[in-house]
Protein backbone atom coordinates (compact mmCIF):
# COMPACT_ATOMS: atom_id res chain seq x y z
CA UNK A 1 300.12 238.83 26.69
CA UNK A 2 301.75 235.86 28.62
CA UNK A 3 305.16 235.19 29.36
CA UNK A 4 306.95 232.07 31.05
CA UNK A 5 309.93 232.13 33.37
CA UNK A 6 311.83 228.81 33.17
CA UNK A 7 314.58 228.20 35.45
CA UNK A 8 316.50 224.73 36.43
CA UNK A 9 318.66 224.41 39.74
CA UNK A 10 320.18 221.42 41.50
CA UNK A 11 316.62 219.97 42.95
CA UNK A 12 313.71 221.95 40.98
CA UNK A 13 312.81 222.42 37.55
CA UNK A 14 310.58 225.49 38.18
CA UNK A 15 308.69 227.75 35.73
CA UNK A 16 306.07 230.64 36.57
CA UNK A 17 303.73 232.60 33.74
CA UNK A 18 303.32 236.42 33.86
CA UNK A 19 300.53 238.27 32.29
CA UNK A 20 299.50 241.66 31.82
CA UNK A 21 296.06 240.89 31.86
CA UNK A 22 294.18 237.52 32.92
CA UNK A 23 291.48 238.17 30.90
CA UNK A 24 293.74 237.02 28.38
CA UNK A 25 295.81 233.76 27.97
CA UNK A 26 295.91 232.91 31.53
CA UNK A 27 291.71 233.28 32.10
CA UNK A 28 291.27 230.32 29.71
CA UNK A 29 292.16 226.44 30.72
CA UNK A 30 294.60 226.17 27.75
CA UNK A 31 298.13 226.72 29.22
CA UNK A 32 300.62 223.68 28.34
CA UNK A 33 304.15 223.23 28.97
CA UNK A 34 306.15 220.82 27.48
CA UNK A 35 309.69 220.32 29.05
CA UNK A 36 312.43 217.79 27.46
CA UNK A 37 314.82 216.25 30.11
CA UNK A 38 318.56 215.81 29.25
CA UNK A 39 317.72 212.08 29.92
CA UNK A 40 315.26 212.73 26.72
CA UNK A 41 312.13 212.00 28.53
CA UNK A 42 309.24 214.45 28.20
CA UNK A 43 306.77 215.94 30.65
CA UNK A 44 303.66 217.58 29.12
CA UNK A 45 301.80 219.75 31.60
CA UNK A 46 298.47 220.48 30.03
CA UNK A 47 296.02 222.50 31.90
CA UNK A 48 293.01 221.10 30.01
CA UNK A 49 294.13 217.40 30.95
CA UNK A 50 291.70 217.07 33.63
CA UNK A 51 292.67 213.52 33.71
CA UNK A 52 295.88 214.23 35.30
CA UNK A 53 294.93 217.53 37.14
CA UNK A 54 295.04 215.66 40.58
CA UNK A 55 298.60 214.31 39.63
CA UNK A 56 299.70 217.76 38.70
CA UNK A 57 298.90 219.37 42.13
CA UNK A 58 300.73 216.19 44.09
CA UNK A 59 303.75 216.84 41.35
CA UNK A 60 303.82 220.82 42.50
CA UNK A 61 302.06 222.28 39.78
CA UNK A 62 299.30 224.81 39.94
CA UNK A 63 297.20 225.85 37.19
CA UNK A 64 295.14 229.29 37.70
CA UNK A 65 292.63 231.22 35.53
CA UNK A 66 293.05 234.12 38.25
CA UNK A 67 296.74 234.06 38.98
CA UNK A 68 299.80 232.58 37.61
CA UNK A 69 300.52 229.36 36.67
CA UNK A 70 303.26 227.76 38.38
CA UNK A 71 305.39 224.73 38.07
CA UNK A 72 308.26 223.20 40.72
CA UNK A 73 308.79 219.63 39.69
CA UNK A 74 311.44 217.39 41.91
CA UNK A 75 312.15 213.84 41.57
CA UNK A 76 310.60 213.34 44.88
CA UNK A 77 307.22 215.38 43.43
CA UNK A 78 307.04 213.56 39.90
CA UNK A 79 307.10 210.01 42.14
CA UNK A 80 304.24 211.30 44.24
CA UNK A 81 302.43 212.77 41.32
CA UNK A 82 302.90 210.01 38.92
CA UNK A 83 303.72 206.79 40.88
CA UNK A 84 302.71 204.64 37.79
CA UNK A 85 302.65 204.67 33.96
CA UNK A 86 298.76 205.54 33.93
CA UNK A 87 298.90 209.09 32.85
CA UNK A 88 299.10 211.12 29.76
CA UNK A 89 301.79 213.50 30.97
CA UNK A 90 305.05 211.48 31.12
CA UNK A 91 306.73 210.18 28.30
CA UNK A 92 310.11 208.08 27.65
CA UNK A 93 311.09 210.21 24.35
CA UNK A 94 309.86 212.70 22.18
CA UNK A 95 307.66 210.47 20.08
CA UNK A 96 305.26 210.82 23.03
CA UNK A 97 304.47 207.13 22.10
CA UNK A 98 305.35 205.59 25.65
CA UNK A 99 303.88 206.30 29.24
CA UNK A 100 306.41 206.14 32.04
CA UNK A 101 306.15 206.67 35.72
CA UNK A 102 307.84 209.47 37.67
CA UNK A 103 310.41 207.48 38.82
CA UNK A 104 311.53 207.15 35.55
CA UNK A 105 312.13 210.67 34.64
CA UNK A 106 315.85 211.89 35.08
CA UNK A 107 316.59 215.31 36.10
CA UNK A 108 319.81 216.96 36.64
CA UNK A 109 322.52 218.49 34.66
CA UNK A 110 322.41 218.95 31.15
CA UNK A 111 320.29 220.89 28.06
CA UNK A 112 316.49 221.17 29.03
CA UNK A 113 313.99 222.19 26.20
CA UNK A 114 310.55 224.04 27.05
CA UNK A 115 307.83 225.03 24.98
CA UNK A 116 305.12 227.28 26.13
CA UNK A 117 301.75 227.23 24.13
CA UNK A 118 300.82 230.91 25.07
CA UNK A 119 304.11 232.25 24.98
CA UNK A 120 303.63 235.89 23.36
CA UNK A 121 307.29 236.44 22.78
CA UNK A 122 307.63 234.18 19.76
CA UNK A 123 311.49 233.69 20.25
CA UNK A 124 310.73 232.39 23.80
CA UNK A 125 307.98 229.78 22.97
CA UNK A 126 310.46 226.95 22.39
CA UNK A 127 313.79 227.46 23.71
CA UNK A 128 316.76 225.53 25.21
CA UNK A 129 317.98 225.95 28.74
CA UNK A 130 321.38 224.79 30.03
CA UNK A 131 322.05 223.85 33.37
CA UNK A 132 325.59 222.76 33.86
CA UNK A 133 327.23 223.91 36.98
CA UNK A 134 330.01 220.93 36.87
CA UNK A 135 331.29 222.23 33.48
CA UNK A 136 331.24 225.87 34.68
CA UNK A 137 333.24 224.91 37.98
CA UNK A 138 335.72 223.08 35.62
CA UNK A 139 336.38 225.88 33.45
CA UNK A 140 336.83 228.04 36.54
CA UNK A 141 339.66 225.73 37.45
CA UNK A 142 341.27 225.82 33.92
CA UNK A 143 341.03 229.66 34.04
CA UNK A 144 342.34 229.82 37.43
CA UNK A 145 345.19 227.48 36.72
CA UNK A 146 345.97 229.64 33.16
CA UNK A 147 346.47 232.88 35.10
CA UNK A 148 348.32 231.31 38.24
CA UNK A 149 350.34 228.75 36.69
CA UNK A 150 353.10 231.24 34.84
CA UNK A 151 356.70 231.50 34.57
CA UNK A 152 357.85 234.95 34.06
CA UNK A 153 354.26 235.86 32.54
CA UNK A 154 354.60 233.25 30.06
CA UNK A 155 351.79 231.06 29.80
CA UNK A 156 351.86 227.45 30.76
CA UNK A 157 351.47 225.86 26.92
CA UNK A 158 349.47 222.79 28.41
CA UNK A 159 347.36 224.29 30.68
CA UNK A 160 346.56 227.13 28.30
CA UNK A 161 345.83 224.39 25.54
CA UNK A 162 343.43 222.93 27.86
CA UNK A 163 341.39 225.97 28.82
CA UNK A 164 340.97 226.81 25.29
CA UNK A 165 339.89 223.56 24.08
CA UNK A 166 337.07 223.48 26.92
CA UNK A 167 336.19 227.02 26.42
CA UNK A 168 335.79 226.84 22.53
CA UNK A 169 333.69 223.75 23.11
CA UNK A 170 331.43 225.26 25.59
CA UNK A 171 330.92 227.98 23.26
CA UNK A 172 330.01 225.54 20.42
CA UNK A 173 327.21 224.06 23.48
CA UNK A 174 326.12 227.45 23.82
CA UNK A 175 325.46 228.61 20.34
CA UNK A 176 323.68 225.12 19.72
CA UNK A 177 321.64 225.41 22.78
CA UNK A 178 320.98 229.28 21.53
CA UNK A 179 319.74 228.50 18.44
CA UNK A 180 317.73 225.24 19.05
CA UNK A 181 314.13 225.20 17.83
CA UNK A 182 312.96 221.82 18.81
CA UNK A 183 312.93 219.67 21.48
CA UNK A 184 314.72 216.64 18.94
CA UNK A 185 317.92 218.87 18.90
CA UNK A 186 319.00 218.53 22.43
CA UNK A 187 320.04 214.98 22.50
CA UNK A 188 323.21 215.93 20.41
CA UNK A 189 323.69 219.23 22.93
CA UNK A 190 323.82 216.76 25.76
CA UNK A 191 326.37 214.48 24.02
CA UNK A 192 328.63 217.18 23.77
CA UNK A 193 327.74 218.27 27.34
CA UNK A 194 328.86 214.45 28.26
CA UNK A 195 332.14 214.94 26.25
CA UNK A 196 332.76 218.44 27.51
CA UNK A 197 332.26 216.85 31.20
CA UNK A 198 334.47 213.69 30.54
CA UNK A 199 337.29 216.06 29.21
CA UNK A 200 337.10 218.11 32.58
CA UNK A 201 337.45 215.16 34.56
CA UNK A 202 340.22 213.85 32.26
CA UNK A 203 338.56 210.73 30.93
CA UNK A 204 338.11 212.05 27.34
CA UNK A 205 339.75 213.95 24.97
CA UNK A 206 338.55 217.01 22.68
CA UNK A 207 339.94 216.49 19.08
CA UNK A 208 338.88 217.17 15.84
CA UNK A 209 339.91 218.05 12.25
CA UNK A 210 340.81 220.63 10.35
């Protein structure tokens, strides 16, 4: 039984597998992780890809038949491991048609999608992960303004409206990420993330139709 813990932070895209028995999935050289970035590039880390084995090591990927598989991808690590487009692990988009060098991969804030071929929990095998600290900080500011900027305990309508719009849009992003089942769905989610980021920065509006 194998499980993947996947995490994104300010500098790293991290993963580690856990298994109840290494005589199971991890014992075979067949683990594969497919990560789609907010920029739409695709990183395919395939244990069976002997041709890129040394590149994986340089990039911060460790496959093992007797211990946890791990990866800690950074922008610098991808450049070190994949200095040019001669590889079968980094691609420009979800069609996997064009190989790219490590410096063409954009990490950072947004919606990621990861697939793990040996994931025991079916619902976790293909899942979206949000890394949106700028948006969360903006929502925190709006919420604080709603609470603090009151007159006789009556809400400031402009500040309340901004918070409601932003929080409602964030809930939509959470829902779409939670229900995404393929990496092709995250492009639309990342467009929404850009819209909300711009709204919080005061350069875009959130308007729809009833």
